[in-house]
Amino acid sequence: MSKNNTALIVKCPTCKKAVAWVAEQLFKPFCCERCKLIDLGEWAMEEKRIPGEPLDELIDEFDEAQYH
């Protein structure tokens, strides 16, 4: 909790519902297990990605520079 004893409120990444950032909220930043699993499924299906070069390409470039 912050200095004024109020919990930080964040939006659930899946449904945008307000979620209090407190120990009792087991699925934070998600509002519930369902929203957490929806998000996990989106990552698993590669519907969500972190921008940038794929790691395997960077590793190949590093290996070539190291051993050639």
C-alpha atoms as a PDB file:
ATOM      1  CA  MET A   1       0.000   0.000   0.000  1.00  0.00           C
ATOM      2  CA  SER A   2       1.073   3.549  -0.556  1.00  0.00           C
ATOM      3  CA  LYS A   3       1.750   6.117   2.144  1.00  0.00           C
ATOM      4  CA  ASN A   4      -1.907   7.186   2.300  1.00  0.00           C
ATOM      5  CA  ASN A   5      -3.097   3.549   2.831  1.00  0.00           C
ATOM      6  CA  THR A   6      -4.837   3.217  -0.515  1.00  0.00           C
ATOM      7  CA  ALA A   7      -4.084   0.329  -2.852  1.00  0.00           C
ATOM      8  CA  LEU A   8      -2.764   0.935  -6.316  1.00  0.00           C
ATOM      9  CA  ILE A   9      -5.521   0.295  -8.840  1.00  0.00           C
ATOM     10  CA  VAL A  10      -4.572  -1.206 -12.215  1.00  0.00           C
ATOM     11  CA  LYS A  11      -6.663  -2.323 -15.175  1.00  0.00           C
ATOM     12  CA  CYS A  12      -6.917  -6.024 -15.947  1.00  0.00           C
ATOM     13  CA  PRO A  13      -4.948  -6.507 -19.201  1.00  0.00           C
ATOM     14  CA  THR A  14      -7.709  -8.738 -20.584  1.00  0.00           C
ATOM     15  CA  CYS A  15     -11.070  -7.174 -19.637  1.00  0.00           C
ATOM     16  CA  LYS A  16      -9.916  -3.740 -18.358  1.00  0.00           C
ATOM     17  CA  LYS A  17     -11.754  -4.172 -15.012  1.00  0.00           C
ATOM     18  CA  ALA A  18     -10.225  -2.248 -12.078  1.00  0.00           C
ATOM     19  CA  VAL A  19      -7.983  -4.445  -9.915  1.00  0.00           C
ATOM     20  CA  ALA A  20      -6.567  -3.469  -6.519  1.00  0.00           C
ATOM     21  CA  TRP A  21      -2.853  -4.315  -6.211  1.00  0.00           C
ATOM     22  CA  VAL A  22      -3.083  -6.056  -2.834  1.00  0.00           C
ATOM     23  CA  ALA A  23      -1.824  -9.373  -1.481  1.00  0.00           C
ATOM     24  CA  GLU A  24      -5.349 -10.794  -1.367  1.00  0.00           C
ATOM     25  CA  GLN A  25      -5.741 -10.357  -5.143  1.00  0.00           C
ATOM     26  CA  LEU A  26      -4.239 -13.695  -6.227  1.00  0.00           C
ATOM     27  CA  PHE A  27      -4.315 -13.139  -9.985  1.00  0.00           C
ATOM     28  CA  LYS A  28      -3.004  -9.564 -10.188  1.00  0.00           C
ATOM     29  CA  PRO A  29      -2.652  -7.812 -12.565  1.00  0.00           C
ATOM     30  CA  PHE A  30      -5.611  -9.861 -13.810  1.00  0.00           C
ATOM     31  CA  CYS A  31      -9.024  -9.657 -12.139  1.00  0.00           C
ATOM     32  CA  CYS A  32      -9.558 -13.424 -12.116  1.00  0.00           C
ATOM     33  CA  GLU A  33      -8.089 -16.749 -13.199  1.00  0.00           C
ATOM     34  CA  ARG A  34     -10.174 -16.727 -16.389  1.00  0.00           C
ATOM     35  CA  CYS A  35      -8.599 -13.469 -17.611  1.00  0.00           C
ATOM     36  CA  LYS A  36      -5.147 -14.776 -16.671  1.00  0.00           C
ATOM     37  CA  LEU A  37      -5.698 -17.958 -18.707  1.00  0.00           C
ATOM     38  CA  ILE A  38      -7.054 -16.013 -21.693  1.00  0.00           C
ATOM     39  CA  ASP A  39      -3.861 -13.938 -21.708  1.00  0.00           C
ATOM     40  CA  LEU A  40      -1.669 -17.039 -21.378  1.00  0.00           C
ATOM     41  CA  GLY A  41      -3.489 -18.646 -24.299  1.00  0.00           C
ATOM     42  CA  GLU A  42      -2.925 -15.578 -26.476  1.00  0.00           C
ATOM     43  CA  TRP A  43       0.825 -15.752 -25.781  1.00  0.00           C
ATOM     44  CA  ALA A  44       0.875 -19.528 -26.405  1.00  0.00           C
ATOM     45  CA  MET A  45      -0.913 -19.091 -29.749  1.00  0.00           C
ATOM     46  CA  GLU A  46       1.589 -16.319 -30.590  1.00  0.00           C
ATOM     47  CA  GLU A  47      -1.196 -13.756 -30.898  1.00  0.00           C
ATOM     48  CA  LYS A  48       0.906 -11.504 -28.637  1.00  0.00           C
ATOM     49  CA  ARG A  49       4.569 -10.815 -29.240  1.00  0.00           C
ATOM     50  CA  ILE A  50       7.307  -8.603 -27.882  1.00  0.00           C
ATOM     51  CA  PRO A  51       8.704  -6.420 -30.688  1.00  0.00           C
ATOM     52  CA  GLY A  52      12.246  -7.078 -31.860  1.00  0.00           C
ATOM     53  CA  GLU A  53      14.344  -9.599 -33.675  1.00  0.00           C
ATOM     54  CA  PRO A  54      13.670 -13.253 -32.897  1.00  0.00           C
ATOM     55  CA  LEU A  55      16.173 -14.562 -30.359  1.00  0.00           C
ATOM     56  CA  ASP A  56      17.290 -17.485 -32.555  1.00  0.00           C
ATOM     57  CA  GLU A  57      18.481 -15.026 -35.239  1.00  0.00           C
ATOM     58  CA  LEU A  58      20.482 -13.067 -32.668  1.00  0.00           C
ATOM     59  CA  ILE A  59      22.061 -16.272 -31.329  1.00  0.00           C
ATOM     60  CA  ASP A  60      23.048 -17.342 -34.857  1.00  0.00           C
ATOM     61  CA  GLU A  61      24.688 -13.950 -35.467  1.00  0.00           C
ATOM     62  CA  PHE A  62      26.541 -14.184 -32.140  1.00  0.00           C
ATOM     63  CA  ASP A  63      27.760 -17.723 -32.888  1.00  0.00           C
ATOM     64  CA  GLU A  64      29.022 -16.693 -36.322  1.00  0.00           C
ATOM     65  CA  ALA A  65      30.912 -13.730 -34.848  1.00  0.00           C
ATOM     66  CA  GLN A  66      32.443 -15.884 -32.097  1.00  0.00           C
ATOM     67  CA  TYR A  67      33.627 -18.811 -34.161  1.00  0.00           C
ATOM     68  CA  HIS A  68      34.542 -17.274 -37.530  1.00  0.00           C
END
